[in-house]
Amino acid sequence: MIARISHISTFSSVAREHLRTLLLAEENLDKVKNDEEKYLLEEIVSKDAMIVILFSATALEAYIYDYAARYFSDSFVRNYIDKLDIIGKWVLIPRLITGKELPRDREWFFLLKEIIRKRNKLTHHKSSEIPSRVEYAKKHVEKLHDEGEQMIRMAKESIRLLDMVVDVITENNPNEYPWVETYFRKLDIEE
């Protein structure tokens, strides 16, 4: 296997750093009495949650490409594998490399699908009209609030998924441990 240039560890590190700022802002939300300060902290939490999800998903997508390219070649991956969706890549690539599939009945796989779905929803966001009737507007605001809470939960789960991937890949291919560990954990700043 030849060494490759990649931003995977940077993507992972950005996600982890923004989870830390999200958690700090979320912790301070309970202490703030001023509405303006509370709004600013909520904005930080929301932005950081998006960043965590987007960069975690990007790290996972970049890793699975890199994993395949290290065992095959860039041209093989581009011509025959890269056209698959990311979930398909996570199913197929480990099987091509080791002859064994990653377990799809475990939490990591459900989280992967959920995070990719959320990443796609964020990346391909569609605007919507604000309802004109007050009762519909209130429901719309409640829905936005619920989506914000879900996004915060997904941000936290995204980082858990990065850690789970290290374990599941290593179980499937112990030789991959130095790569996956470095990409998803090693360069992270200590708390």
C-alpha atoms as a PDB file:
ATOM      1  CA  MET A   1       0.000   0.000   0.000  1.00  0.00           C
ATOM      2  CA  ILE A   2       1.291   3.413  -0.906  1.00  0.00           C
ATOM      3  CA  ALA A   3       0.861   6.529   1.176  1.00  0.00           C
ATOM      4  CA  ARG A   4      -1.807   8.928  -0.034  1.00  0.00           C
ATOM      5  CA  ILE A   5      -2.642  12.582   0.509  1.00  0.00           C
ATOM      6  CA  SER A   6      -6.009  13.159   2.126  1.00  0.00           C
ATOM      7  CA  HIS A   7      -8.016  15.616   4.216  1.00  0.00           C
ATOM      8  CA  ILE A   8      -9.835  12.893   6.162  1.00  0.00           C
ATOM      9  CA  SER A   9      -8.151  13.652   9.505  1.00  0.00           C
ATOM     10  CA  THR A  10      -8.773  17.375   8.968  1.00  0.00           C
ATOM     11  CA  PHE A  11     -12.479  16.767   8.295  1.00  0.00           C
ATOM     12  CA  SER A  12     -12.699  14.593  11.406  1.00  0.00           C
ATOM     13  CA  SER A  13     -10.815  17.114  13.510  1.00  0.00           C
ATOM     14  CA  VAL A  14     -13.045  19.999  12.352  1.00  0.00           C
ATOM     15  CA  ALA A  15     -16.123  17.953  13.284  1.00  0.00           C
ATOM     16  CA  ARG A  16     -14.749  17.185  16.756  1.00  0.00           C
ATOM     17  CA  GLU A  17     -13.683  20.785  17.395  1.00  0.00           C
ATOM     18  CA  HIS A  18     -17.122  22.076  16.464  1.00  0.00           C
ATOM     19  CA  LEU A  19     -18.819  19.503  18.669  1.00  0.00           C
ATOM     20  CA  ARG A  20     -16.783  20.910  21.571  1.00  0.00           C
ATOM     21  CA  THR A  21     -17.931  24.471  20.846  1.00  0.00           C
ATOM     22  CA  LEU A  22     -21.507  23.236  20.413  1.00  0.00           C
ATOM     23  CA  LEU A  23     -21.434  21.504  23.800  1.00  0.00           C
ATOM     24  CA  LEU A  24     -19.922  24.559  25.481  1.00  0.00           C
ATOM     25  CA  ALA A  25     -22.529  26.889  23.956  1.00  0.00           C
ATOM     26  CA  GLU A  26     -25.310  24.429  24.844  1.00  0.00           C
ATOM     27  CA  GLU A  27     -24.058  24.301  28.442  1.00  0.00           C
ATOM     28  CA  ASN A  28     -24.048  28.118  28.638  1.00  0.00           C
ATOM     29  CA  LEU A  29     -27.588  28.376  27.222  1.00  0.00           C
ATOM     30  CA  ASP A  30     -29.026  27.398  30.605  1.00  0.00           C
ATOM     31  CA  LYS A  31     -27.036  30.118  32.363  1.00  0.00           C
ATOM     32  CA  VAL A  32     -27.969  33.007  30.061  1.00  0.00           C
ATOM     33  CA  LYS A  33     -30.878  35.240  31.056  1.00  0.00           C
ATOM     34  CA  ASN A  34     -30.583  37.843  28.307  1.00  0.00           C
ATOM     35  CA  ASP A  35     -32.687  36.966  25.209  1.00  0.00           C
ATOM     36  CA  GLU A  36     -30.130  38.446  22.819  1.00  0.00           C
ATOM     37  CA  GLU A  37     -27.290  36.387  24.294  1.00  0.00           C
ATOM     38  CA  LYS A  38     -29.503  33.305  24.276  1.00  0.00           C
ATOM     39  CA  TYR A  39     -30.291  33.855  20.587  1.00  0.00           C
ATOM     40  CA  LEU A  40     -26.581  34.229  19.768  1.00  0.00           C
ATOM     41  CA  LEU A  41     -25.739  31.005  21.626  1.00  0.00           C
ATOM     42  CA  GLU A  42     -28.576  29.181  19.846  1.00  0.00           C
ATOM     43  CA  GLU A  43     -27.096  30.364  16.538  1.00  0.00           C
ATOM     44  CA  ILE A  44     -23.685  29.005  17.549  1.00  0.00           C
ATOM     45  CA  VAL A  45     -25.217  25.664  18.520  1.00  0.00           C
ATOM     46  CA  SER A  46     -27.138  25.448  15.254  1.00  0.00           C
ATOM     47  CA  LYS A  47     -24.154  26.348  13.070  1.00  0.00           C
ATOM     48  CA  ASP A  48     -21.824  24.025  14.947  1.00  0.00           C
ATOM     49  CA  ALA A  49     -24.319  21.150  14.681  1.00  0.00           C
ATOM     50  CA  MET A  50     -24.433  21.627  10.910  1.00  0.00           C
ATOM     51  CA  ILE A  51     -20.644  21.763  10.694  1.00  0.00           C
ATOM     52  CA  VAL A  52     -20.266  18.596  12.779  1.00  0.00           C
ATOM     53  CA  ILE A  53     -22.729  16.660  10.616  1.00  0.00           C
ATOM     54  CA  LEU A  54     -21.340  17.916   7.304  1.00  0.00           C
ATOM     55  CA  PHE A  55     -17.690  17.350   8.185  1.00  0.00           C
ATOM     56  CA  SER A  56     -18.304  13.946   9.801  1.00  0.00           C
ATOM     57  CA  ALA A  57     -20.169  12.771   6.701  1.00  0.00           C
ATOM     58  CA  THR A  58     -17.427  14.206   4.486  1.00  0.00           C
ATOM     59  CA  ALA A  59     -14.755  12.376   6.515  1.00  0.00           C
ATOM     60  CA  LEU A  60     -16.671   9.107   6.205  1.00  0.00           C
ATOM     61  CA  GLU A  61     -17.131   9.521   2.465  1.00  0.00           C
ATOM     62  CA  ALA A  62     -13.488  10.480   1.929  1.00  0.00           C
ATOM     63  CA  TYR A  63     -12.308   7.546   4.055  1.00  0.00           C
ATOM     64  CA  ILE A  64     -14.262   4.886   2.178  1.00  0.00           C
ATOM     65  CA  TYR A  65     -12.875   6.213  -1.109  1.00  0.00           C
ATOM     66  CA  ASP A  66      -9.336   6.237   0.307  1.00  0.00           C
ATOM     67  CA  TYR A  67      -9.768   2.714   1.690  1.00  0.00           C
ATOM     68  CA  ALA A  68     -10.707   1.400  -1.749  1.00  0.00           C
ATOM     69  CA  ALA A  69      -8.060   3.429  -3.587  1.00  0.00           C
ATOM     70  CA  ARG A  70      -5.284   2.113  -1.333  1.00  0.00           C
ATOM     71  CA  TYR A  71      -6.222  -1.492  -2.157  1.00  0.00           C
ATOM     72  CA  PHE A  72      -7.139  -1.032  -5.807  1.00  0.00           C
ATOM     73  CA  SER A  73      -6.375   2.193  -7.678  1.00  0.00           C
ATOM     74  CA  ASP A  74      -7.890   5.622  -8.197  1.00  0.00           C
ATOM     75  CA  SER A  75      -8.899   4.760 -11.755  1.00  0.00           C
ATOM     76  CA  PHE A  76     -10.569   1.487 -10.679  1.00  0.00           C
ATOM     77  CA  VAL A  77     -12.471   3.256  -7.896  1.00  0.00           C
ATOM     78  CA  ARG A  78     -13.509   6.149 -10.156  1.00  0.00           C
ATOM     79  CA  ASN A  79     -14.639   3.844 -12.973  1.00  0.00           C
ATOM     80  CA  TYR A  80     -16.431   1.118 -11.015  1.00  0.00           C
ATOM     81  CA  ILE A  81     -17.140   2.108  -7.422  1.00  0.00           C
ATOM     82  CA  ASP A  82     -17.431   5.885  -7.146  1.00  0.00           C
ATOM     83  CA  LYS A  83     -20.815   5.931  -8.899  1.00  0.00           C
ATOM     84  CA  LEU A  84     -22.386   4.048  -5.985  1.00  0.00           C
ATOM     85  CA  ASP A  85     -24.047   5.987  -3.206  1.00  0.00           C
ATOM     86  CA  ILE A  86     -22.072   6.235   0.030  1.00  0.00           C
ATOM     87  CA  ILE A  87     -24.069   3.498   1.778  1.00  0.00           C
ATOM     88  CA  GLY A  88     -23.416   1.134  -1.133  1.00  0.00           C
ATOM     89  CA  LYS A  89     -19.702   1.931  -0.902  1.00  0.00           C
ATOM     90  CA  TRP A  90     -19.652   1.077   2.799  1.00  0.00           C
ATOM     91  CA  VAL A  91     -21.307  -2.258   2.030  1.00  0.00           C
ATOM     92  CA  LEU A  92     -19.248  -3.181  -1.054  1.00  0.00           C
ATOM     93  CA  ILE A  93     -15.697  -1.899  -0.462  1.00  0.00           C
ATOM     94  CA  PRO A  94     -14.883  -3.796   2.764  1.00  0.00           C
ATOM     95  CA  ARG A  95     -16.288  -6.963   1.171  1.00  0.00           C
ATOM     96  CA  LEU A  96     -14.131  -6.508  -1.943  1.00  0.00           C
ATOM     97  CA  ILE A  97     -11.042  -5.946   0.200  1.00  0.00           C
ATOM     98  CA  THR A  98     -11.487  -8.601   2.900  1.00  0.00           C
ATOM     99  CA  GLY A  99     -14.136 -10.955   1.529  1.00  0.00           C
ATOM    100  CA  LYS A 100     -16.274 -10.091   4.581  1.00  0.00           C
ATOM    101  CA  GLU A 101     -19.037  -7.527   4.885  1.00  0.00           C
ATOM    102  CA  LEU A 102     -19.196  -5.065   7.729  1.00  0.00           C
ATOM    103  CA  PRO A 103     -22.086  -5.973  10.051  1.00  0.00           C
ATOM    104  CA  ARG A 104     -25.166  -4.112   8.848  1.00  0.00           C
ATOM    105  CA  ASP A 105     -27.299  -5.104  11.824  1.00  0.00           C
ATOM    106  CA  ARG A 106     -25.341  -2.940  14.266  1.00  0.00           C
ATOM    107  CA  GLU A 107     -25.869   0.619  15.433  1.00  0.00           C
ATOM    108  CA  TRP A 108     -23.005   2.044  13.337  1.00  0.00           C
ATOM    109  CA  PHE A 109     -24.800   1.172  10.099  1.00  0.00           C
ATOM    110  CA  PHE A 110     -28.101   2.705  11.189  1.00  0.00           C
ATOM    111  CA  LEU A 111     -26.268   5.857  12.302  1.00  0.00           C
ATOM    112  CA  LEU A 112     -24.382   6.005   9.009  1.00  0.00           C
ATOM    113  CA  LYS A 113     -27.637   5.937   7.055  1.00  0.00           C
ATOM    114  CA  GLU A 114     -29.230   8.531   9.345  1.00  0.00           C
ATOM    115  CA  ILE A 115     -26.261  10.900   9.200  1.00  0.00           C
ATOM    116  CA  ILE A 116     -25.950  10.642   5.430  1.00  0.00           C
ATOM    117  CA  ARG A 117     -29.676  11.357   5.134  1.00  0.00           C
ATOM    118  CA  LYS A 118     -29.281  14.421   7.384  1.00  0.00           C
ATOM    119  CA  ARG A 119     -26.189  15.568   5.485  1.00  0.00           C
ATOM    120  CA  ASN A 120     -28.110  15.306   2.204  1.00  0.00           C
ATOM    121  CA  LYS A 121     -31.042  17.211   3.670  1.00  0.00           C
ATOM    122  CA  LEU A 122     -28.706  19.996   4.835  1.00  0.00           C
ATOM    123  CA  THR A 123     -26.748  20.101   1.596  1.00  0.00           C
ATOM    124  CA  HIS A 124     -29.843  20.114  -0.608  1.00  0.00           C
ATOM    125  CA  HIS A 125     -31.987  22.316   1.629  1.00  0.00           C
ATOM    126  CA  LYS A 126     -35.171  23.683   0.104  1.00  0.00           C
ATOM    127  CA  SER A 127     -36.713  26.896   1.393  1.00  0.00           C
ATOM    128  CA  SER A 128     -40.356  26.953   2.432  1.00  0.00           C
ATOM    129  CA  GLU A 129     -43.023  29.567   2.850  1.00  0.00           C
ATOM    130  CA  ILE A 130     -43.902  30.817   6.302  1.00  0.00           C
ATOM    131  CA  PRO A 131     -47.545  30.025   6.966  1.00  0.00           C
ATOM    132  CA  SER A 132     -49.746  33.117   7.041  1.00  0.00           C
ATOM    133  CA  ARG A 133     -52.218  31.903   9.671  1.00  0.00           C
ATOM    134  CA  VAL A 134     -51.030  32.228  13.261  1.00  0.00           C
ATOM    135  CA  GLU A 135     -51.866  28.655  14.298  1.00  0.00           C
ATOM    136  CA  TYR A 136     -49.964  27.256  11.310  1.00  0.00           C
ATOM    137  CA  ALA A 137     -47.053  29.612  11.954  1.00  0.00           C
ATOM    138  CA  LYS A 138     -46.807  28.336  15.548  1.00  0.00           C
ATOM    139  CA  LYS A 139     -46.715  24.716  14.309  1.00  0.00           C
ATOM    140  CA  HIS A 140     -44.076  25.703  11.770  1.00  0.00           C
ATOM    141  CA  VAL A 141     -41.917  27.275  14.500  1.00  0.00           C
ATOM    142  CA  GLU A 142     -42.374  24.154  16.677  1.00  0.00           C
ATOM    143  CA  LYS A 143     -41.315  21.986  13.739  1.00  0.00           C
ATOM    144  CA  LEU A 144     -38.192  24.122  13.204  1.00  0.00           C
ATOM    145  CA  HIS A 145     -37.379  23.842  16.910  1.00  0.00           C
ATOM    146  CA  ASP A 146     -37.775  20.043  16.788  1.00  0.00           C
ATOM    147  CA  GLU A 147     -35.546  19.861  13.708  1.00  0.00           C
ATOM    148  CA  GLY A 148     -32.937  21.932  15.544  1.00  0.00           C
ATOM    149  CA  GLU A 149     -33.028  19.550  18.507  1.00  0.00           C
ATOM    150  CA  GLN A 150     -32.716  16.592  16.130  1.00  0.00           C
ATOM    151  CA  MET A 151     -29.744  18.234  14.422  1.00  0.00           C
ATOM    152  CA  ILE A 152     -27.976  18.671  17.785  1.00  0.00           C
ATOM    153  CA  ARG A 153     -28.587  14.993  18.578  1.00  0.00           C
ATOM    154  CA  MET A 154     -27.314  14.001  15.131  1.00  0.00           C
ATOM    155  CA  ALA A 155     -24.167  16.084  15.603  1.00  0.00           C
ATOM    156  CA  LYS A 156     -23.381  14.169  18.783  1.00  0.00           C
ATOM    157  CA  GLU A 157     -24.163  10.858  17.081  1.00  0.00           C
ATOM    158  CA  SER A 158     -21.907  11.801  14.149  1.00  0.00           C
ATOM    159  CA  ILE A 159     -18.862  11.837  16.405  1.00  0.00           C
ATOM    160  CA  ARG A 160     -19.902   8.583  18.045  1.00  0.00           C
ATOM    161  CA  LEU A 161     -20.148   7.123  14.545  1.00  0.00           C
ATOM    162  CA  LEU A 162     -16.565   8.138  13.720  1.00  0.00           C
ATOM    163  CA  ASP A 163     -15.429   6.204  16.796  1.00  0.00           C
ATOM    164  CA  MET A 164     -17.622   3.213  15.909  1.00  0.00           C
ATOM    165  CA  VAL A 165     -16.180   3.120  12.388  1.00  0.00           C
ATOM    166  CA  VAL A 166     -12.663   2.745  13.798  1.00  0.00           C
ATOM    167  CA  ASP A 167     -13.837  -0.321  15.706  1.00  0.00           C
ATOM    168  CA  VAL A 168     -15.944  -1.913  12.964  1.00  0.00           C
ATOM    169  CA  ILE A 169     -13.290  -1.440  10.269  1.00  0.00           C
ATOM    170  CA  THR A 170     -10.594  -2.809  12.583  1.00  0.00           C
ATOM    171  CA  GLU A 171     -12.713  -5.873  13.403  1.00  0.00           C
ATOM    172  CA  ASN A 172     -13.149  -6.504   9.674  1.00  0.00           C
ATOM    173  CA  ASN A 173      -9.544  -5.738   8.684  1.00  0.00           C
ATOM    174  CA  PRO A 174      -7.020  -5.468  11.562  1.00  0.00           C
ATOM    175  CA  ASN A 175      -4.361  -4.214   9.115  1.00  0.00           C
ATOM    176  CA  GLU A 176      -6.487  -1.106   8.562  1.00  0.00           C
ATOM    177  CA  TYR A 177      -6.246   0.024  12.202  1.00  0.00           C
ATOM    178  CA  PRO A 178      -3.316   2.474  11.809  1.00  0.00           C
ATOM    179  CA  TRP A 179      -5.067   4.207   8.908  1.00  0.00           C
ATOM    180  CA  VAL A 180      -8.555   4.445  10.352  1.00  0.00           C
ATOM    181  CA  GLU A 181      -7.291   5.376  13.816  1.00  0.00           C
ATOM    182  CA  THR A 182      -5.123   8.174  12.435  1.00  0.00           C
ATOM    183  CA  TYR A 183      -7.871   9.514  10.206  1.00  0.00           C
ATOM    184  CA  PHE A 184     -10.607   9.598  12.809  1.00  0.00           C
ATOM    185  CA  ARG A 185      -8.899  10.030  16.176  1.00  0.00           C
ATOM    186  CA  LYS A 186      -5.167  10.794  16.284  1.00  0.00           C
ATOM    187  CA  LEU A 187      -5.099  14.435  15.169  1.00  0.00           C
ATOM    188  CA  ASP A 188      -7.938  15.546  17.410  1.00  0.00           C
ATOM    189  CA  ILE A 189      -7.156  18.218  19.973  1.00  0.00           C
ATOM    190  CA  GLU A 190      -7.296  17.023  23.561  1.00  0.00           C
ATOM    191  CA  GLU A 191     -10.039  18.471  25.728  1.00  0.00           C
END
